[in-house]
């Protein structure tokens, strides 16, 4: 697993096809997990690659699986390159590669600053609105589920959203505690806040979802309403909505 630190993994959902395709990136290039590509177009994984870890295993194992560049994928898919499915996949992959590459460059070019330590907060004192000015806006899983469910195309509760985040490798469970995946935190979809629970000495880590994360969730869950990111509290635009 030594190479794991050099290959952060980013899970994507190919919307409309119900397929998960993970990207991995190093300092020099973006690659896509080969098994995911073959699954996406219905090709035999074992015949092409042999045994490969899947999404059902640990994310770290999936990250260390065989991964291909866009050029390598074009070569593998050449026999079916003229099919609509293969053309759509290559267009989608190129967009995701550009997205990851832009994130990677932003990370490298960002000025080095000391880490910001979030304060311990009493849950009873946390309003159901945005955080203070100059801090990234974040929402709890329960709040995010309510926001997403304003879209008629998405109906999901708090537990359902926790399940989705877990299945799609955005979070992992350690004991009774949900922990954000470090690669999903790296691209800015999730963060965490250590909260103080009254009557307990230990802090409780809470998963929080950013604006970028809500946008990604809305898109990957097949949302159809428009997200309004300019209002005081993030919500979905609905006809006649004056809240």
C-alpha atoms as a PDB file:
ATOM      1  CA  UNK A   1       0.000   0.000   0.000  1.00  0.00           C
ATOM      2  CA  UNK A   2       3.002   2.330  -0.126  1.00  0.00           C
ATOM      3  CA  UNK A   3       1.844   3.874  -3.393  1.00  0.00           C
ATOM      4  CA  UNK A   4      -1.534   4.763  -1.894  1.00  0.00           C
ATOM      5  CA  UNK A   5      -0.462   8.247  -0.770  1.00  0.00           C
ATOM      6  CA  UNK A   6       0.522   9.099  -4.358  1.00  0.00           C
ATOM      7  CA  UNK A   7      -2.818   8.100  -5.840  1.00  0.00           C
ATOM      8  CA  UNK A   8      -5.719   9.959  -4.250  1.00  0.00           C
ATOM      9  CA  UNK A   9      -8.973   8.498  -5.556  1.00  0.00           C
ATOM     10  CA  UNK A  10     -12.057  10.495  -6.550  1.00  0.00           C
ATOM     11  CA  UNK A  11     -15.357   8.647  -7.064  1.00  0.00           C
ATOM     12  CA  UNK A  12     -17.664   9.881  -9.833  1.00  0.00           C
ATOM     13  CA  UNK A  13     -21.193   8.795 -10.797  1.00  0.00           C
ATOM     14  CA  UNK A  14     -21.878   8.598 -14.544  1.00  0.00           C
ATOM     15  CA  UNK A  15     -25.355  10.076 -14.284  1.00  0.00           C
ATOM     16  CA  UNK A  16     -27.997   8.385 -16.388  1.00  0.00           C
ATOM     17  CA  UNK A  17     -26.063   5.121 -16.531  1.00  0.00           C
ATOM     18  CA  UNK A  18     -25.986   4.231 -12.798  1.00  0.00           C
ATOM     19  CA  UNK A  19     -22.262   3.526 -13.059  1.00  0.00           C
ATOM     20  CA  UNK A  20     -19.520   4.580 -10.645  1.00  0.00           C
ATOM     21  CA  UNK A  21     -16.153   5.411 -12.205  1.00  0.00           C
ATOM     22  CA  UNK A  22     -13.214   6.407 -10.025  1.00  0.00           C
ATOM     23  CA  UNK A  23     -10.365   8.680 -11.044  1.00  0.00           C
ATOM     24  CA  UNK A  24      -6.908   8.580  -9.502  1.00  0.00           C
ATOM     25  CA  UNK A  25      -4.316  11.279  -9.879  1.00  0.00           C
ATOM     26  CA  UNK A  26      -0.616  11.690  -9.301  1.00  0.00           C
ATOM     27  CA  UNK A  27       1.569  14.747  -9.628  1.00  0.00           C
ATOM     28  CA  UNK A  28       1.712  14.245 -13.389  1.00  0.00           C
ATOM     29  CA  UNK A  29      -1.506  12.693 -14.724  1.00  0.00           C
ATOM     30  CA  UNK A  30      -5.108  11.659 -14.260  1.00  0.00           C
ATOM     31  CA  UNK A  31      -6.124   8.027 -14.706  1.00  0.00           C
ATOM     32  CA  UNK A  32      -9.376   6.082 -14.409  1.00  0.00           C
ATOM     33  CA  UNK A  33      -9.827   2.702 -12.726  1.00  0.00           C
ATOM     34  CA  UNK A  34      -9.750   0.151 -15.545  1.00  0.00           C
ATOM     35  CA  UNK A  35     -12.344  -2.146 -13.987  1.00  0.00           C
ATOM     36  CA  UNK A  36     -14.820   0.746 -13.815  1.00  0.00           C
ATOM     37  CA  UNK A  37     -14.312   1.551 -17.498  1.00  0.00           C
ATOM     38  CA  UNK A  38     -14.915  -2.041 -18.595  1.00  0.00           C
ATOM     39  CA  UNK A  39     -17.982  -2.342 -16.356  1.00  0.00           C
ATOM     40  CA  UNK A  40     -19.365   0.894 -17.809  1.00  0.00           C
ATOM     41  CA  UNK A  41     -19.436  -0.499 -21.368  1.00  0.00           C
ATOM     42  CA  UNK A  42     -20.238  -4.096 -20.481  1.00  0.00           C
ATOM     43  CA  UNK A  43     -16.861  -5.656 -21.328  1.00  0.00           C
ATOM     44  CA  UNK A  44     -15.511  -8.703 -19.486  1.00  0.00           C
ATOM     45  CA  UNK A  45     -13.305  -7.464 -16.646  1.00  0.00           C
ATOM     46  CA  UNK A  46     -11.736 -10.797 -15.698  1.00  0.00           C
ATOM     47  CA  UNK A  47     -10.870 -11.698 -19.299  1.00  0.00           C
ATOM     48  CA  UNK A  48      -9.120  -8.358 -19.827  1.00  0.00           C
ATOM     49  CA  UNK A  49      -7.546  -7.626 -16.446  1.00  0.00           C
ATOM     50  CA  UNK A  50      -7.817 -10.693 -14.259  1.00  0.00           C
ATOM     51  CA  UNK A  51      -8.993 -10.267 -10.665  1.00  0.00           C
ATOM     52  CA  UNK A  52      -9.414  -6.618  -9.695  1.00  0.00           C
ATOM     53  CA  UNK A  53     -10.763  -5.017  -6.488  1.00  0.00           C
ATOM     54  CA  UNK A  54     -14.242  -3.545  -6.892  1.00  0.00           C
ATOM     55  CA  UNK A  55     -16.292  -0.830  -5.218  1.00  0.00           C
ATOM     56  CA  UNK A  56     -17.458  -3.389  -2.672  1.00  0.00           C
ATOM     57  CA  UNK A  57     -13.952  -3.504  -1.170  1.00  0.00           C
ATOM     58  CA  UNK A  58     -11.937  -0.857   0.637  1.00  0.00           C
ATOM     59  CA  UNK A  59     -11.425   2.365  -1.303  1.00  0.00           C
ATOM     60  CA  UNK A  60      -7.651   2.102  -0.805  1.00  0.00           C
ATOM     61  CA  UNK A  61      -7.639  -1.264  -2.596  1.00  0.00           C
ATOM     62  CA  UNK A  62      -9.691   0.169  -5.442  1.00  0.00           C
ATOM     63  CA  UNK A  63      -7.231   3.065  -5.751  1.00  0.00           C
ATOM     64  CA  UNK A  64      -4.326   0.671  -6.201  1.00  0.00           C
ATOM     65  CA  UNK A  65      -6.058  -1.292  -8.961  1.00  0.00           C
ATOM     66  CA  UNK A  66      -5.075  -1.018 -12.621  1.00  0.00           C
ATOM     67  CA  UNK A  67      -5.784   2.483 -13.942  1.00  0.00           C
ATOM     68  CA  UNK A  68      -5.672   3.845 -17.493  1.00  0.00           C
ATOM     69  CA  UNK A  69      -5.037   7.243 -19.042  1.00  0.00           C
ATOM     70  CA  UNK A  70      -7.512   8.610 -21.592  1.00  0.00           C
ATOM     71  CA  UNK A  71      -5.242   7.472 -24.438  1.00  0.00           C
ATOM     72  CA  UNK A  72      -5.068   3.953 -23.019  1.00  0.00           C
ATOM     73  CA  UNK A  73      -8.852   3.875 -22.656  1.00  0.00           C
ATOM     74  CA  UNK A  74      -9.265   4.938 -26.298  1.00  0.00           C
ATOM     75  CA  UNK A  75      -7.019   2.043 -27.344  1.00  0.00           C
ATOM     76  CA  UNK A  76      -8.959  -0.497 -25.257  1.00  0.00           C
ATOM     77  CA  UNK A  77     -12.312   0.778 -26.512  1.00  0.00           C
ATOM     78  CA  UNK A  78     -11.192   1.045 -30.146  1.00  0.00           C
ATOM     79  CA  UNK A  79     -13.244  -2.016 -31.272  1.00  0.00           C
ATOM     80  CA  UNK A  80     -16.427  -0.295 -30.063  1.00  0.00           C
ATOM     81  CA  UNK A  81     -15.284   3.318 -30.546  1.00  0.00           C
ATOM     82  CA  UNK A  82     -18.058   4.079 -33.046  1.00  0.00           C
ATOM     83  CA  UNK A  83     -20.885   3.069 -30.710  1.00  0.00           C
ATOM     84  CA  UNK A  84     -22.927   5.840 -29.026  1.00  0.00           C
ATOM     85  CA  UNK A  85     -22.124   4.438 -25.570  1.00  0.00           C
ATOM     86  CA  UNK A  86     -18.348   4.524 -26.116  1.00  0.00           C
ATOM     87  CA  UNK A  87     -18.470   8.030 -27.619  1.00  0.00           C
ATOM     88  CA  UNK A  88     -20.556   9.318 -24.720  1.00  0.00           C
ATOM     89  CA  UNK A  89     -18.221   7.700 -22.204  1.00  0.00           C
ATOM     90  CA  UNK A  90     -15.096   9.232 -23.741  1.00  0.00           C
ATOM     91  CA  UNK A  91     -16.697  12.684 -23.757  1.00  0.00           C
ATOM     92  CA  UNK A  92     -17.709  12.284 -20.125  1.00  0.00           C
ATOM     93  CA  UNK A  93     -14.265  10.991 -19.103  1.00  0.00           C
ATOM     94  CA  UNK A  94     -12.506  13.894 -20.810  1.00  0.00           C
ATOM     95  CA  UNK A  95     -14.648  16.337 -18.822  1.00  0.00           C
ATOM     96  CA  UNK A  96     -13.929  14.531 -15.546  1.00  0.00           C
ATOM     97  CA  UNK A  97     -10.185  14.430 -16.319  1.00  0.00           C
ATOM     98  CA  UNK A  98     -10.188  18.180 -16.934  1.00  0.00           C
ATOM     99  CA  UNK A  99     -12.079  18.693 -13.664  1.00  0.00           C
ATOM    100  CA  UNK A 100      -9.598  16.632 -11.654  1.00  0.00           C
ATOM    101  CA  UNK A 101      -6.636  18.246 -13.383  1.00  0.00           C
ATOM    102  CA  UNK A 102      -7.962  21.724 -12.564  1.00  0.00           C
ATOM    103  CA  UNK A 103      -8.424  20.736  -8.923  1.00  0.00           C
ATOM    104  CA  UNK A 104      -4.903  19.303  -8.830  1.00  0.00           C
ATOM    105  CA  UNK A 105      -3.363  22.505 -10.196  1.00  0.00           C
ATOM    106  CA  UNK A 106      -5.368  24.636  -7.777  1.00  0.00           C
ATOM    107  CA  UNK A 107      -4.090  22.508  -4.907  1.00  0.00           C
ATOM    108  CA  UNK A 108      -0.454  22.854  -5.999  1.00  0.00           C
ATOM    109  CA  UNK A 109      -0.716  26.571  -6.699  1.00  0.00           C
ATOM    110  CA  UNK A 110      -2.595  27.498  -3.526  1.00  0.00           C
ATOM    111  CA  UNK A 111      -0.458  29.462  -1.039  1.00  0.00           C
ATOM    112  CA  UNK A 112       0.682  27.465   1.934  1.00  0.00           C
ATOM    113  CA  UNK A 113      -1.183  28.572   5.039  1.00  0.00           C
ATOM    114  CA  UNK A 114      -1.324  27.124   8.532  1.00  0.00           C
ATOM    115  CA  UNK A 115      -4.308  24.825   9.041  1.00  0.00           C
ATOM    116  CA  UNK A 116      -7.482  26.399  10.386  1.00  0.00           C
ATOM    117  CA  UNK A 117      -8.762  24.670  13.508  1.00  0.00           C
ATOM    118  CA  UNK A 118     -12.525  24.771  13.779  1.00  0.00           C
ATOM    119  CA  UNK A 119     -13.820  25.592  17.250  1.00  0.00           C
ATOM    120  CA  UNK A 120     -15.690  23.152  19.442  1.00  0.00           C
ATOM    121  CA  UNK A 121     -19.389  23.906  19.134  1.00  0.00           C
ATOM    122  CA  UNK A 122     -22.370  22.959  21.262  1.00  0.00           C
ATOM    123  CA  UNK A 123     -24.864  21.316  18.830  1.00  0.00           C
ATOM    124  CA  UNK A 124     -27.747  23.137  20.502  1.00  0.00           C
ATOM    125  CA  UNK A 125     -26.148  26.461  19.591  1.00  0.00           C
ATOM    126  CA  UNK A 126     -25.744  25.668  15.874  1.00  0.00           C
ATOM    127  CA  UNK A 127     -28.414  27.419  13.740  1.00  0.00           C
ATOM    128  CA  UNK A 128     -29.984  25.767  10.711  1.00  0.00           C
ATOM    129  CA  UNK A 129     -28.351  28.391   8.486  1.00  0.00           C
ATOM    130  CA  UNK A 130     -24.959  29.197   7.006  1.00  0.00           C
ATOM    131  CA  UNK A 131     -21.802  29.556   9.148  1.00  0.00           C
ATOM    132  CA  UNK A 132     -20.198  32.886   9.936  1.00  0.00           C
ATOM    133  CA  UNK A 133     -18.952  35.193   7.164  1.00  0.00           C
ATOM    134  CA  UNK A 134     -15.547  34.305   5.682  1.00  0.00           C
ATOM    135  CA  UNK A 135     -15.949  30.619   6.621  1.00  0.00           C
ATOM    136  CA  UNK A 136     -16.884  28.045   3.983  1.00  0.00           C
ATOM    137  CA  UNK A 137     -20.614  27.366   4.005  1.00  0.00           C
ATOM    138  CA  UNK A 138     -21.365  23.830   5.131  1.00  0.00           C
ATOM    139  CA  UNK A 139     -24.439  21.799   5.999  1.00  0.00           C
ATOM    140  CA  UNK A 140     -25.041  18.666   8.031  1.00  0.00           C
ATOM    141  CA  UNK A 141     -26.173  15.461   6.348  1.00  0.00           C
ATOM    142  CA  UNK A 142     -29.710  16.021   7.666  1.00  0.00           C
ATOM    143  CA  UNK A 143     -29.795  19.594   6.341  1.00  0.00           C
ATOM    144  CA  UNK A 144     -28.383  18.488   2.991  1.00  0.00           C
ATOM    145  CA  UNK A 145     -31.020  15.752   2.672  1.00  0.00           C
ATOM    146  CA  UNK A 146     -33.744  18.342   3.194  1.00  0.00           C
ATOM    147  CA  UNK A 147     -32.196  20.671   0.602  1.00  0.00           C
ATOM    148  CA  UNK A 148     -31.846  17.916  -1.998  1.00  0.00           C
ATOM    149  CA  UNK A 149     -35.388  16.673  -1.351  1.00  0.00           C
ATOM    150  CA  UNK A 150     -36.790  20.029  -2.447  1.00  0.00           C
ATOM    151  CA  UNK A 151     -36.073  18.746  -5.951  1.00  0.00           C
ATOM    152  CA  UNK A 152     -39.019  16.566  -7.068  1.00  0.00           C
ATOM    153  CA  UNK A 153     -36.514  14.215  -8.714  1.00  0.00           C
ATOM    154  CA  UNK A 154     -34.729  13.506  -5.419  1.00  0.00           C
ATOM    155  CA  UNK A 155     -36.447  12.255  -2.292  1.00  0.00           C
ATOM    156  CA  UNK A 156     -33.967  11.234   0.379  1.00  0.00           C
ATOM    157  CA  UNK A 157     -33.762  11.370   4.168  1.00  0.00           C
ATOM    158  CA  UNK A 158     -30.841  11.678   6.531  1.00  0.00           C
ATOM    159  CA  UNK A 159     -30.212   7.921   6.805  1.00  0.00           C
ATOM    160  CA  UNK A 160     -30.659   7.451   3.075  1.00  0.00           C
ATOM    161  CA  UNK A 161     -28.058  10.133   2.383  1.00  0.00           C
ATOM    162  CA  UNK A 162     -25.645   8.567   4.881  1.00  0.00           C
ATOM    163  CA  UNK A 163     -26.126   5.254   3.050  1.00  0.00           C
ATOM    164  CA  UNK A 164     -25.499   6.931  -0.343  1.00  0.00           C
ATOM    165  CA  UNK A 165     -22.332   8.618   0.917  1.00  0.00           C
ATOM    166  CA  UNK A 166     -21.089   5.316   2.310  1.00  0.00           C
ATOM    167  CA  UNK A 167     -21.884   3.242  -0.786  1.00  0.00           C
ATOM    168  CA  UNK A 168     -20.190   5.817  -3.024  1.00  0.00           C
ATOM    169  CA  UNK A 169     -17.089   5.970  -0.784  1.00  0.00           C
ATOM    170  CA  UNK A 170     -17.511   9.575   0.326  1.00  0.00           C
ATOM    171  CA  UNK A 171     -17.505   8.489   3.986  1.00  0.00           C
ATOM    172  CA  UNK A 172     -16.396   5.454   5.979  1.00  0.00           C
ATOM    173  CA  UNK A 173     -17.567   4.141   9.337  1.00  0.00           C
ATOM    174  CA  UNK A 174     -15.125   3.531  12.161  1.00  0.00           C
ATOM    175  CA  UNK A 175     -16.974   1.984  15.040  1.00  0.00           C
ATOM    176  CA  UNK A 176     -20.049   4.171  15.441  1.00  0.00           C
ATOM    177  CA  UNK A 177     -18.449   7.252  13.865  1.00  0.00           C
ATOM    178  CA  UNK A 178     -18.691   8.425  10.251  1.00  0.00           C
ATOM    179  CA  UNK A 179     -15.403   9.750   8.834  1.00  0.00           C
ATOM    180  CA  UNK A 180     -15.110  11.701   5.537  1.00  0.00           C
ATOM    181  CA  UNK A 181     -12.908  10.097   2.914  1.00  0.00           C
ATOM    182  CA  UNK A 182      -9.733  12.171   2.703  1.00  0.00           C
ATOM    183  CA  UNK A 183      -9.832  12.348  -1.093  1.00  0.00           C
ATOM    184  CA  UNK A 184     -13.395  13.681  -1.075  1.00  0.00           C
ATOM    185  CA  UNK A 185     -12.273  16.273   1.485  1.00  0.00           C
ATOM    186  CA  UNK A 186      -9.309  17.070  -0.779  1.00  0.00           C
ATOM    187  CA  UNK A 187     -11.550  18.041  -3.694  1.00  0.00           C
ATOM    188  CA  UNK A 188     -13.752  20.145  -1.435  1.00  0.00           C
ATOM    189  CA  UNK A 189     -16.973  18.127  -1.206  1.00  0.00           C
ATOM    190  CA  UNK A 190     -16.858  17.307   2.520  1.00  0.00           C
ATOM    191  CA  UNK A 191     -15.287  18.489   5.743  1.00  0.00           C
ATOM    192  CA  UNK A 192     -15.666  17.583   9.399  1.00  0.00           C
ATOM    193  CA  UNK A 193     -16.252  19.439  12.641  1.00  0.00           C
ATOM    194  CA  UNK A 194     -15.451  18.068  16.091  1.00  0.00           C
ATOM    195  CA  UNK A 195     -18.425  18.892  18.289  1.00  0.00           C
ATOM    196  CA  UNK A 196     -18.776  18.816  22.044  1.00  0.00           C
ATOM    197  CA  UNK A 197     -21.611  16.640  23.300  1.00  0.00           C
ATOM    198  CA  UNK A 198     -23.064  17.786  26.626  1.00  0.00           C
ATOM    199  CA  UNK A 199     -22.166  15.361  29.393  1.00  0.00           C
ATOM    200  CA  UNK A 200     -19.329  13.715  27.413  1.00  0.00           C
ATOM    201  CA  UNK A 201     -15.603  14.382  27.542  1.00  0.00           C
ATOM    202  CA  UNK A 202     -14.842  13.178  24.004  1.00  0.00           C
ATOM    203  CA  UNK A 203     -15.490  15.268  20.909  1.00  0.00           C
ATOM    204  CA  UNK A 204     -17.820  13.875  18.280  1.00  0.00           C
ATOM    205  CA  UNK A 205     -16.710  14.268  14.619  1.00  0.00           C
ATOM    206  CA  UNK A 206     -19.596  15.455  12.433  1.00  0.00           C
ATOM    207  CA  UNK A 207     -19.577  15.090   8.643  1.00  0.00           C
ATOM    208  CA  UNK A 208     -20.390  18.393   6.924  1.00  0.00           C
ATOM    209  CA  UNK A 209     -21.147  18.948   3.236  1.00  0.00           C
ATOM    210  CA  UNK A 210     -19.923  22.009   1.333  1.00  0.00           C
ATOM    211  CA  UNK A 211     -21.636  23.987  -1.426  1.00  0.00           C
ATOM    212  CA  UNK A 212     -19.506  22.147  -3.980  1.00  0.00           C
ATOM    213  CA  UNK A 213     -20.495  18.847  -2.384  1.00  0.00           C
ATOM    214  CA  UNK A 214     -24.200  19.660  -2.549  1.00  0.00           C
ATOM    215  CA  UNK A 215     -23.842  20.593  -6.213  1.00  0.00           C
ATOM    216  CA  UNK A 216     -22.084  17.281  -6.895  1.00  0.00           C
ATOM    217  CA  UNK A 217     -24.708  15.301  -4.982  1.00  0.00           C
ATOM    218  CA  UNK A 218     -27.536  17.055  -6.809  1.00  0.00           C
ATOM    219  CA  UNK A 219     -25.977  16.329 -10.190  1.00  0.00           C
ATOM    220  CA  UNK A 220     -25.065  12.700  -9.435  1.00  0.00           C
ATOM    221  CA  UNK A 221     -28.485  11.908  -8.003  1.00  0.00           C
ATOM    222  CA  UNK A 222     -30.120  13.081 -11.214  1.00  0.00           C
ATOM    223  CA  UNK A 223     -31.550  16.361  -9.916  1.00  0.00           C
ATOM    224  CA  UNK A 224     -33.607  18.384 -12.401  1.00  0.00           C
ATOM    225  CA  UNK A 225     -34.346  21.633 -10.531  1.00  0.00           C
ATOM    226  CA  UNK A 226     -31.835  24.499 -10.560  1.00  0.00           C
ATOM    227  CA  UNK A 227     -29.624  25.112  -7.548  1.00  0.00           C
ATOM    228  CA  UNK A 228     -29.587  28.733  -6.388  1.00  0.00           C
ATOM    229  CA  UNK A 229     -26.187  29.353  -4.793  1.00  0.00           C
ATOM    230  CA  UNK A 230     -26.564  33.100  -4.406  1.00  0.00           C
ATOM    231  CA  UNK A 231     -29.260  33.137  -1.755  1.00  0.00           C
ATOM    232  CA  UNK A 232     -28.594  33.429   1.967  1.00  0.00           C
ATOM    233  CA  UNK A 233     -29.291  29.747   2.488  1.00  0.00           C
ATOM    234  CA  UNK A 234     -28.612  27.241  -0.264  1.00  0.00           C
ATOM    235  CA  UNK A 235     -31.865  25.920  -1.645  1.00  0.00           C
ATOM    236  CA  UNK A 236     -33.436  24.685  -4.838  1.00  0.00           C
ATOM    237  CA  UNK A 237     -35.351  27.115  -7.008  1.00  0.00           C
ATOM    238  CA  UNK A 238     -39.022  26.265  -7.222  1.00  0.00           C
ATOM    239  CA  UNK A 239     -41.852  28.198  -8.872  1.00  0.00           C
ATOM    240  CA  UNK A 240     -43.417  30.545  -6.350  1.00  0.00           C
ATOM    241  CA  UNK A 241     -40.734  29.868  -3.711  1.00  0.00           C
ATOM    242  CA  UNK A 242     -40.294  32.959  -1.564  1.00  0.00           C
ATOM    243  CA  UNK A 243     -38.478  31.482   1.424  1.00  0.00           C
END
